[in-house]
Amino acid sequence: MAHRSRVVVALLGSLAVAACAGCSVDDAVAPDVVTLAPSPTSTRGAPPAPSAPSTPTPEPPATPSPTDDGAPAELLAEIEDQVFALANDARAAEGLAPLTRMPELGAVARGWSQALADAGDGISHNPDYSRQIPSGWSVSGENVGWMGETRIVPAEDVARAVHQGWMDSPGHRENLLTPEYTHLGVGVAFGAEGYYLTQNFAAY
């Protein structure tokens, strides 16, 4: 029997909430893709006390070393790079400005993906991400995805599968294509149940 990977995606963000208010955990939007209902919490218009955002700088390359569960750190970094590139490819196709990669957003995204991988009991949103990302934002959002592939597979396979799941879901697609967003952080983790991916968006 052919091996199949399951992809599950979830979203959070003020624009996406309205777009996906009727989604449920059972709404299949593509083969092996499920869109989870987003949190009703809006992240527009009530950011933490403003302060000057840190200057985005390129994320340093990951040190080539295995993670505790056996996935090479360079593989996870490559998935993050490809997810970021795919996001900007999708925006370019719509005539939108590219997002700038922000290490601080990436750290929050990576921390949440790792928490999900450690728990191994499904995906959910980080209830505190809007307080964990650098202050000064005007709009923020989050996409979360999971690929139930427990083998080490090429980075491109993971990145493209989850990105396509997000693009096939109206709410996730809206997060990716929101013109107001200026910055993006991507975090990937690997656990016993597969690959966990988080995108944190913000406008600075």
Foldseek 3Di string as FASTA:
>chain_A
DDDDKAKEKEKWWQVLLVVQVPFDQPDDLDVRYGYHRYDPDHPAPDAPDADDADDADDDDQDDQDADPAGATPNQQSVLQVLLLVVLQVLQVVVVADHAAEHVQQQVLFQVQQVVCQVVVPDDDDDPCSSVRGDTRFRTKMKMKMWMQDQDHDHSCVVSVVNSVSLCSRVSSVCNSHVRQWHHKHKHWDAHRRGIMIMIMTTHD
